[in-house]
PDB file of N, CA and C in Angstrom:
ATOM      1  N   MET A   1     133.478  60.476  92.153  1.00  0.00           N
ATOM      2  CA  MET A   1     132.574  61.008  93.225  1.00  0.00           C
ATOM      3  C   MET A   1     132.224  60.470  94.122  1.00  0.00           C
ATOM      4  N   ALA A   2     132.458  60.607  95.625  1.00  0.00           N
ATOM      5  CA  ALA A   2     132.073  59.894  96.335  1.00  0.00           C
ATOM      6  C   ALA A   2     130.810  58.974  96.597  1.00  0.00           C
ATOM      7  N   GLU A   3     131.019  57.698  97.030  1.00  0.00           N
ATOM      8  CA  GLU A   3     129.385  57.582  97.184  1.00  0.00           C
ATOM      9  C   GLU A   3     128.887  58.010  98.234  1.00  0.00           C
ATOM     10  N   ARG A   4     127.451  57.901  97.993  1.00  0.00           N
ATOM     11  CA  ARG A   4     126.506  58.279  98.977  1.00  0.00           C
ATOM     12  C   ARG A   4     125.884  57.353  99.620  1.00  0.00           C
ATOM     13  N   PHE A   5     125.535  57.354 100.985  1.00  0.00           N
ATOM     14  CA  PHE A   5     125.091  56.653 101.943  1.00  0.00           C
ATOM     15  C   PHE A   5     123.931  57.453 102.685  1.00  0.00           C
ATOM     16  N   GLU A   6     122.786  56.328 102.079  1.00  0.00           N
ATOM     17  CA  GLU A   6     120.932  57.084 102.365  1.00  0.00           C
ATOM     18  C   GLU A   6     120.812  57.051 103.887  1.00  0.00           C
ATOM     19  N   ARG A   7     121.851  56.144 104.482  1.00  0.00           N
ATOM     20  CA  ARG A   7     121.569  55.672 106.049  1.00  0.00           C
ATOM     21  C   ARG A   7     122.395  57.006 106.633  1.00  0.00           C
ATOM     22  N   HIS A   8     122.144  57.939 106.641  1.00  0.00           N
ATOM     23  CA  HIS A   8     122.907  59.395 107.478  1.00  0.00           C
ATOM     24  C   HIS A   8     121.981  59.078 108.740  1.00  0.00           C
ATOM     25  N   LYS A   9     123.241  59.707 109.218  1.00  0.00           N
ATOM     26  CA  LYS A   9     122.596  59.785 110.932  1.00  0.00           C
ATOM     27  C   LYS A   9     121.986  58.890 111.760  1.00  0.00           C
ATOM     28  N   GLN A  10     121.731  57.497 110.994  1.00  0.00           N
ATOM     29  CA  GLN A  10     121.068  56.301 111.873  1.00  0.00           C
ATOM     30  C   GLN A  10     121.833  55.827 112.730  1.00  0.00           C
ATOM     31  N   ALA A  11     121.273  55.462 113.651  1.00  0.00           N
ATOM     32  CA  ALA A  11     121.763  55.032 115.059  1.00  0.00           C
ATOM     33  C   ALA A  11     122.143  53.528 114.574  1.00  0.00           C
ATOM     34  N   TRP A  12     123.357  53.614 115.264  1.00  0.00           N
ATOM     35  CA  TRP A  12     124.316  51.900 115.420  1.00  0.00           C
ATOM     36  C   TRP A  12     123.284  50.835 115.482  1.00  0.00           C
ATOM     37  N   THR A  13     123.084  49.812 115.020  1.00  0.00           N
ATOM     38  CA  THR A  13     122.001  48.653 115.735  1.00  0.00           C
ATOM     39  C   THR A  13     123.000  47.610 116.374  1.00  0.00           C
ATOM     40  N   PRO A  14     122.925  46.714 117.371  1.00  0.00           N
ATOM     41  CA  PRO A  14     123.933  45.881 117.892  1.00  0.00           C
ATOM     42  C   PRO A  14     124.064  44.764 117.338  1.00  0.00           C
ATOM     43  N   ASP A  15     123.577  44.281 116.150  1.00  0.00           N
ATOM     44  CA  ASP A  15     124.084  43.814 114.996  1.00  0.00           C
ATOM     45  C   ASP A  15     125.292  44.358 114.466  1.00  0.00           C
ATOM     46  N   GLU A  16     125.170  45.258 113.831  1.00  0.00           N
ATOM     47  CA  GLU A  16     126.419  46.451 113.030  1.00  0.00           C
ATOM     48  C   GLU A  16     127.237  46.600 114.175  1.00  0.00           C
ATOM     49  N   ILE A  17     127.370  46.900 115.562  1.00  0.00           N
ATOM     50  CA  ILE A  17     128.222  47.179 116.081  1.00  0.00           C
ATOM     51  C   ILE A  17     128.958  45.731 116.189  1.00  0.00           C
ATOM     52  N   GLN A  18     128.439  44.568 116.638  1.00  0.00           N
ATOM     53  CA  GLN A  18     128.768  43.453 116.547  1.00  0.00           C
ATOM     54  C   GLN A  18     129.853  43.176 115.614  1.00  0.00           C
ATOM     55  N   LYS A  19     129.176  43.441 114.190  1.00  0.00           N
ATOM     56  CA  LYS A  19     130.587  43.213 113.197  1.00  0.00           C
ATOM     57  C   LYS A  19     131.374  43.781 112.678  1.00  0.00           C
ATOM     58  N   LEU A  20     131.405  45.280 113.040  1.00  0.00           N
ATOM     59  CA  LEU A  20     132.177  46.523 113.468  1.00  0.00           C
ATOM     60  C   LEU A  20     133.446  45.619 114.160  1.00  0.00           C
ATOM     61  N   HIS A  21     133.022  45.289 115.284  1.00  0.00           N
ATOM     62  CA  HIS A  21     134.293  44.381 116.178  1.00  0.00           C
ATOM     63  C   HIS A  21     134.813  43.461 115.381  1.00  0.00           C
ATOM     64  N   THR A  22     133.813  42.649 115.127  1.00  0.00           N
ATOM     65  CA  THR A  22     134.857  40.835 114.030  1.00  0.00           C
ATOM     66  C   THR A  22     135.217  41.510 113.215  1.00  0.00           C
ATOM     67  N   LEU A  23     135.260  42.371 112.371  1.00  0.00           N
ATOM     68  CA  LEU A  23     135.380  42.738 111.313  1.00  0.00           C
ATOM     69  C   LEU A  23     137.017  43.569 111.671  1.00  0.00           C
ATOM     70  N   ALA A  24     136.955  44.492 112.316  1.00  0.00           N
ATOM     71  CA  ALA A  24     138.431  45.103 113.149  1.00  0.00           C
ATOM     72  C   ALA A  24     139.359  44.249 113.661  1.00  0.00           C
ATOM     73  N   LYS A  25     138.617  42.979 114.277  1.00  0.00           N
ATOM     74  CA  LYS A  25     139.720  42.275 114.768  1.00  0.00           C
ATOM     75  C   LYS A  25     140.694  41.568 113.955  1.00  0.00           C
ATOM     76  N   LYS A  26     139.439  41.436 112.887  1.00  0.00           N
ATOM     77  CA  LYS A  26     140.094  39.914 111.672  1.00  0.00           C
ATOM     78  C   LYS A  26     141.441  41.287 110.788  1.00  0.00           C
ATOM     79  N   GLY A  27     141.419  42.395 111.127  1.00  0.00           N
ATOM     80  CA  GLY A  27     142.239  42.960 110.498  1.00  0.00           C
ATOM     81  C   GLY A  27     141.655  43.464 109.040  1.00  0.00           C
ATOM     82  N   MET A  28     140.522  44.316 109.041  1.00  0.00           N
ATOM     83  CA  MET A  28     140.096  44.284 107.545  1.00  0.00           C
ATOM     84  C   MET A  28     140.444  46.239 107.575  1.00  0.00           C
ATOM     85  N   ALA A  29     140.564  46.519 106.491  1.00  0.00           N
ATOM     86  CA  ALA A  29     140.780  47.771 105.909  1.00  0.00           C
ATOM     87  C   ALA A  29     139.456  48.846 106.173  1.00  0.00           C
ATOM     88  N   LEU A  30     139.411  49.916 106.777  1.00  0.00           N
ATOM     89  CA  LEU A  30     138.372  50.815 107.287  1.00  0.00           C
ATOM     90  C   LEU A  30     137.566  50.631 105.662  1.00  0.00           C
ATOM     91  N   LYS A  31     137.931  50.983 104.249  1.00  0.00           N
ATOM     92  CA  LYS A  31     136.941  51.255 103.657  1.00  0.00           C
ATOM     93  C   LYS A  31     136.720  49.611 103.016  1.00  0.00           C
ATOM     94  N   ALA A  32     137.147  48.539 103.466  1.00  0.00           N
ATOM     95  CA  ALA A  32     136.202  47.152 103.150  1.00  0.00           C
ATOM     96  C   ALA A  32     135.222  47.255 104.465  1.00  0.00           C
ATOM     97  N   ILE A  33     135.048  47.636 105.797  1.00  0.00           N
ATOM     98  CA  ILE A  33     134.695  47.673 106.437  1.00  0.00           C
ATOM     99  C   ILE A  33     132.985  48.695 106.970  1.00  0.00           C
ATOM    100  N   ALA A  34     133.480  49.298 106.132  1.00  0.00           N
ATOM    101  CA  ALA A  34     132.802  50.672 106.071  1.00  0.00           C
ATOM    102  C   ALA A  34     131.648  50.337 104.870  1.00  0.00           C
ATOM    103  N   LYS A  35     131.916  49.556 103.769  1.00  0.00           N
ATOM    104  CA  LYS A  35     131.148  48.932 102.527  1.00  0.00           C
ATOM    105  C   LYS A  35     130.631  47.686 103.169  1.00  0.00           C
ATOM    106  N   ALA A  36     131.154  47.077 103.832  1.00  0.00           N
ATOM    107  CA  ALA A  36     130.359  45.792 104.796  1.00  0.00           C
ATOM    108  C   ALA A  36     129.244  46.331 104.950  1.00  0.00           C
ATOM    109  N   LEU A  37     129.275  47.399 105.969  1.00  0.00           N
ATOM    110  CA  LEU A  37     128.340  47.727 106.997  1.00  0.00           C
ATOM    111  C   LEU A  37     127.447  48.838 106.474  1.00  0.00           C
ATOM    112  N   THR A  38     127.653  48.945 105.027  1.00  0.00           N
ATOM    113  CA  THR A  38     126.818  50.009 104.082  1.00  0.00           C
ATOM    114  C   THR A  38     126.980  51.441 104.933  1.00  0.00           C
ATOM    115  N   ARG A  39     128.219  51.870 105.728  1.00  0.00           N
ATOM    116  CA  ARG A  39     128.399  52.990 106.429  1.00  0.00           C
ATOM    117  C   ARG A  39     129.632  54.114 105.406  1.00  0.00           C
ATOM    118  N   SER A  40     129.517  55.142 105.997  1.00  0.00           N
ATOM    119  CA  SER A  40     130.697  56.143 105.566  1.00  0.00           C
ATOM    120  C   SER A  40     131.960  55.837 106.296  1.00  0.00           C
ATOM    121  N   GLU A  41     132.611  55.477 105.630  1.00  0.00           N
ATOM    122  CA  GLU A  41     134.134  55.464 106.397  1.00  0.00           C
ATOM    123  C   GLU A  41     134.189  56.447 107.640  1.00  0.00           C
ATOM    124  N   GLU A  42     133.858  57.689 107.132  1.00  0.00           N
ATOM    125  CA  GLU A  42     133.982  58.617 108.261  1.00  0.00           C
ATOM    126  C   GLU A  42     132.818  57.860 110.050  1.00  0.00           C
ATOM    127  N   SER A  43     131.877  57.498 109.529  1.00  0.00           N
ATOM    128  CA  SER A  43     130.889  56.996 110.612  1.00  0.00           C
ATOM    129  C   SER A  43     131.458  55.758 111.374  1.00  0.00           C
ATOM    130  N   VAL A  44     132.134  54.948 110.466  1.00  0.00           N
ATOM    131  CA  VAL A  44     132.576  53.980 110.717  1.00  0.00           C
ATOM    132  C   VAL A  44     134.307  53.843 111.806  1.00  0.00           C
ATOM    133  N   LYS A  45     134.890  54.769 111.655  1.00  0.00           N
ATOM    134  CA  LYS A  45     136.020  55.595 112.168  1.00  0.00           C
ATOM    135  C   LYS A  45     135.567  56.135 113.307  1.00  0.00           C
ATOM    136  N   VAL A  46     134.783  56.944 113.691  1.00  0.00           N
ATOM    137  CA  VAL A  46     134.151  57.516 114.732  1.00  0.00           C
ATOM    138  C   VAL A  46     133.448  56.296 115.583  1.00  0.00           C
ATOM    139  N   ARG A  47     132.658  55.580 115.240  1.00  0.00           N
ATOM    140  CA  ARG A  47     132.441  54.398 116.227  1.00  0.00           C
ATOM    141  C   ARG A  47     133.474  53.780 116.479  1.00  0.00           C
ATOM    142  N   ALA A  48     134.214  53.384 115.747  1.00  0.00           N
ATOM    143  CA  ALA A  48     135.630  52.306 116.143  1.00  0.00           C
ATOM    144  C   ALA A  48     136.169  53.288 117.700  1.00  0.00           C
ATOM    145  N   LYS A  49     136.415  54.498 117.371  1.00  0.00           N
ATOM    146  CA  LYS A  49     137.008  55.114 118.252  1.00  0.00           C
ATOM    147  C   LYS A  49     136.602  55.139 119.475  1.00  0.00           C
ATOM    148  N   GLY A  50     135.084  55.664 119.186  1.00  0.00           N
ATOM    149  CA  GLY A  50     134.293  55.168 120.634  1.00  0.00           C
ATOM    150  C   GLY A  50     134.307  54.042 121.322  1.00  0.00           C
ATOM    151  N   ASP A  51     134.541  52.886 120.732  1.00  0.00           N
ATOM    152  CA  ASP A  51     135.039  51.842 121.283  1.00  0.00           C
ATOM    153  C   ASP A  51     135.978  51.275 121.441  1.00  0.00           C
ATOM    154  N   ASN A  52     137.164  52.057 120.970  1.00  0.00           N
ATOM    155  CA  ASN A  52     138.318  51.764 121.366  1.00  0.00           C
ATOM    156  C   ASN A  52     139.132  50.605 120.675  1.00  0.00           C
ATOM    157  N   LEU A  53     138.302  50.792 119.216  1.00  0.00           N
ATOM    158  CA  LEU A  53     139.180  49.710 118.525  1.00  0.00           C
ATOM    159  C   LEU A  53     139.542  49.903 117.781  1.00  0.00           C
ATOM    160  N   SER A  54     141.088  49.406 117.241  1.00  0.00           N
ATOM    161  CA  SER A  54     141.717  49.985 116.182  1.00  0.00           C
ATOM    162  C   SER A  54     141.893  49.655 114.767  1.00  0.00           C
ATOM    163  N   ILE A  55     141.333  50.149 113.734  1.00  0.00           N
ATOM    164  CA  ILE A  55     141.478  49.623 112.131  1.00  0.00           C
ATOM    165  C   ILE A  55     142.202  49.994 111.022  1.00  0.00           C
ATOM    166  N   ALA A  56     142.773  49.043 110.367  1.00  0.00           N
ATOM    167  CA  ALA A  56     143.706  49.195 109.287  1.00  0.00           C
ATOM    168  C   ALA A  56     143.253  50.101 108.539  1.00  0.00           C
ATOM    169  N   LYS A  57     143.733  51.514 108.191  1.00  0.00           N
ATOM    170  CA  LYS A  57     143.456  52.652 107.495  1.00  0.00           C
ATOM    171  C   LYS A  57     143.663  52.047 106.025  1.00  0.00           C
ATOM    172  N   LEU A  58     144.682  51.531 105.700  1.00  0.00           N
ATOM    173  CA  LEU A  58     144.658  51.009 103.919  1.00  0.00           C
ATOM    174  C   LEU A  58     145.101  49.693 104.228  1.00  0.00           C
ATOM    175  N   ARG A  59     144.696  48.967 103.071  1.00  0.00           N
ATOM    176  CA  ARG A  59     145.502  47.677 102.594  1.00  0.00           C
ATOM    177  C   ARG A  59     144.552  47.095 101.245  1.00  0.00           C
TER     178      ARG A  59
END
């Protein structure tokens, strides 16, 4: 069963965006970034794509 996130459709804060950029640049996997930000993998993927970030899919 997939994890449920209570933050459904909440706006990204500037701190979360900065953390996303930092973790993506370190080469962290999508699943690890999503867990660190307590957001769904899909949410992280969409935000990263919008910010032109590349994220490792699996590691």
